[in-house]
Structures are given as structure tokens and as C-alpha cells.
Amino acid sequence: MKEDLKWFDLKKYYGVHEFTHLDWFVHLNHRQKLFQLVESKSKNILTFGDEKKDLDKNYLNKFNLIKESPLEIDAINHGKYSSIRDATFFDLCKVVQYNPKHDNYPDLSVIAQLLGLTEISKKENEKYTPKSISYGYLFERHLLSLNLSKPDHQLLDDFKRWLLDVRKKRGKKPIRCTEKKLNMWEKNKVLPYLDLTLIAKLESIDLKQYEIGGYLFPDDDKLDITEKIRKVVKPLAEQLLKDESISTLRSQI
């Protein structure tokens, strides 16, 4: 075992076999953000030693937590990830982004206030323009007008009709991640692979595929660990970090 990777221990990932869709979504979404951070700062960050520069204390703690207790994560607001929730300013930006005349809406905060959405500062309005927002799993969102003066049964019937019409027009069908897939991710050590390669990238540790295989499958003498990493684990982990995969998981929470 390399000196810089002595923190790695598969026993820390024992609880992954009990992960729900929500757990996988939270952990993959978290890793995706950390990978993006490392990528954007790679020219400035080399190690966890004196040479680290552009990561604030909060993010450094997140990386250290990956090393010390990778399954521990801050509690989340489940409502934030619900398939139905109050529309936000970001949802409004997303709708406007797909409008070919979006340049005609320079001050979206005014529209947001008229619609009763969360108020934002002028600085935030300038920052989050329709052209600049990266949405990740928010790209499937719709703004919906709801008349709460109508009885529940009518609202539910109207929503079902609206949903059928939208799915027909967009050709979008619900995507499912089955329990079998979740078990397969755990069996192929996707989460420890991501953490191992994340820290190696952050600290500029040269890690070969056969070495990664040795860390992930130390007791499987009959397995070609290099081929296992190259053909199965690596492409699977990379696919699960894509926005589409994370969005699919989120839709099943």
C-alpha cells in the first residue's frame, strides 16, 4: 500500500450494501461536485500539505471526511429533492433559457418577485443569468401554474392529464434504477473507486489500474483486477457521475 493512501480501508464502506436511491443520489452528487472542484483547481492544488492553495476550509474538511469517514454526510433537506416542490428562481431561469427570445428578459428577479418566487439580490441576478447556469439534475424541471381554489380531486385529475400531454410532446419516459442496479454498483465497489481516484487526483498520486484493483478487490486471486477496473468499474463510475445518471436517481427519491 502506498504511504499516501494508508487512509483507504474497504471496511469504511460496509454500509453501502444498505444504500437506498436517496443515499446513492446524495453520495454521487457530493462526489461529482468534489471532482469538479479538483478539476477546476488542479493547476494550483498538488497535495494536502503546504502546497494547497485555493480550497477554503469548508472544502478541505469535505475531502478529509472522504478519507476518514466516507459514508458520513451532512443531513439533507428531502423536500429539496422532491419531484414536486415550490418553483424557485433557478427553475424560472431554466424555462427562460429555452425561450429563443430570452435576451429580452434582462432582469429575471423582477419576474421572480411577481411570481412569488424566492427573492434574490441584484448581484445574484447578474450572476445567475439563463446563459450562465449549470443545472445538473434540474434540467428536467417545469414551471407549473396551480389553482389552489379547486378541490383536490380536480387538481389531481388535471395534473394527470397535463403530465400525459407533456410526456407525449417531449417523448420523455420515466427512467428507473432498479434494486438490482444498486446492488451491482455496490458489488463493483463504485463508491470506494471514486474516493480513491478523487484523492489520488487531488494529491497528484500516480495510481495505476492494477493498483486500484488491488485496493478494491484484495482477496480475489482469480480475478484479473486490471481488466475489471478498465472494463467495468471505471466506465461504470464515470457514467454514474454524469448529470443524467444523477438526475435519474433523483427522480426516484
Foldseek 3Di string as FASTA:
>chain_A
DDPVQPLDDCVLVVCLLVDDLVLLLVLLQLLLVLLVVCVVCVVQFAAPPPRHDPDDPVSVVVLVCCSHRVSDDDDDDLQVLAPDDDDALLQVLLVLLPPPVSVVCLQSQVVCVVVVHDHDDPVVSVCDHSVRDDQQLCNPDDDDDDDPVDDPVVRVVVVVVVVVVVCVVVVDDQDADDSVNSNVCVVLVQSSLSSVVSNCSRNVPDAAQVNSLCSVPVPPPPDPRSCSCVPPRVVVSVVCSGSVNSSSSSNVD
